[in-house]
Amino acid sequence: MLEQRAFDPNIPEEGPSAPPPGWLDCVTGYDEPKGGDTGDQLYPPPPAYNPQPENDRNASVPNVRVPQVSESVAREALLKFVGSKWSKSSKPARNLTFKELQPITMYRYRLETYTESRSSAWEMEPFTGQVVDGPQYGMSPPPWDVPVQQPQRYIDVILKVRVPHSSFVKTCHRCHGCGRTRCTHCAGRGNRRCPFCHGHGRRTTGHGRNNRAGNNRCSSCQGRGRKRCTFCHGHGHKTCPTCQGNRNLMHFIQLTITWKNHVFEFVPDRLPEFPLKKFEKVSGDAFFIDESILVYPIVGFPDQEICDASRKASQEHHSKFSPQQVPCRILQQVSYLWAYSWCPGPILILQQVSYLWAYSWCPGPILILQQVSYLWAYSWCPGPIAGVLIQFSSYNR
């Protein structure tokens, strides 16, 4: 028999998930809590944390001498490429004749800027008797004075820490300290109207005798018209999802520190037949590296496009990541220069073979089992189909 549970007016309705305005205390150095889910609040770094660029400062690049690509070096690179793409004989590549080698020197410039930003937001957790680091232990440090361990440079990292002395305990705003909230599906009654008979206890199940509709007892609610609420299991209330029945919450400020690496890369587009994305896969040592809190444009380099790109990248990053534009600070910058030697030339497609099988049938008592002839097809593609990309890291200062 369905138990008729009396409505308990002492169990409150479920309140909002976020604290209402004025519920949280103010903490010096942090924005006043406005209530609700307002998201993280970014804080610009103090002026002492911002490096100031020096006017008319630049970086000089040492003279780099790219070795000439000989036929043996080009053939070695070609054989290495063929070995990675072809499992058959590499004889055509070994016997290939280089009529002319015209190496082209190309440079790649890269600027990395490592920044740090800090934001805060109010968080809460059920209070189960844990230690409360509140204002009785001192004032909370400002966002940029909270000590954290710096990660490895030029790696994106997000760290969340609790601001010291910002914790306090308050009654749960969602259940008003009751630990339970009234079930919203059954309005605290513990049962709901049967959805099959709509509370009548009987429903039409087909045609009875003499073509009359049968009005039988509802098999779902056993004729009672109501069913036990499946959301609260007939209790009429649920455990508060915010405080998990503990009645109190501990509020605190959570600081989010974001370290991010911003990259600017430039390669002069002088070889339309060679995709610039291929340079991203080329490894090796840069012949020039300049690392400091702020790096400056390259001047006096033989390739003027590299100088222009360096000046553009420096100005762009210095202005983009200034506190006036983005509330973050520059921790470190580093610029690189790589040199590549490119040798376009003909590449031999090793072998493409077609088979033509010929069968001959001779009528009569004698059967010619099989006659086979072969037709071998070779394909030769002259021209700069692919090139040999060689990187050098030697240089003279």
Foldseek 3Di string as FASTA:
>chain_A
DDDWDDFDPVFAAFDDLKAAAPPADDAPQDDRDGIDCPDWDWDFDPPVQADDDDPPDADEDAFFDDDDQDPVNFLVLVVVVCVVVDDDDPVCSVPDDDPDWDKDKWKKKKKKFKWKIKIKDKDKAACPPDDFQACVVHGWDHGVPDDDDDDDPADKDKDKDFTGRFKDKDFDPGRRLQQKHFDPVPRLRQKAFDPPCRQQQWDFDAADPPRHTDTGGDPVCRSRRIGGDPVCRSRRIDGRPGNRSNRMMMMTMMMMMIIHMDMDMDIDPPDVLDDPVVVVPDDDDFLDKDKDLAHHAYPDDPDVVNRVSRHVVRVCVSVCPDCVNPSMHTRMMMMTMWMKMKTFFFDAPDADFDFDADADADDDPDGDDGDGDGDGDGDGDGDRPDIRMGTDNDGDD
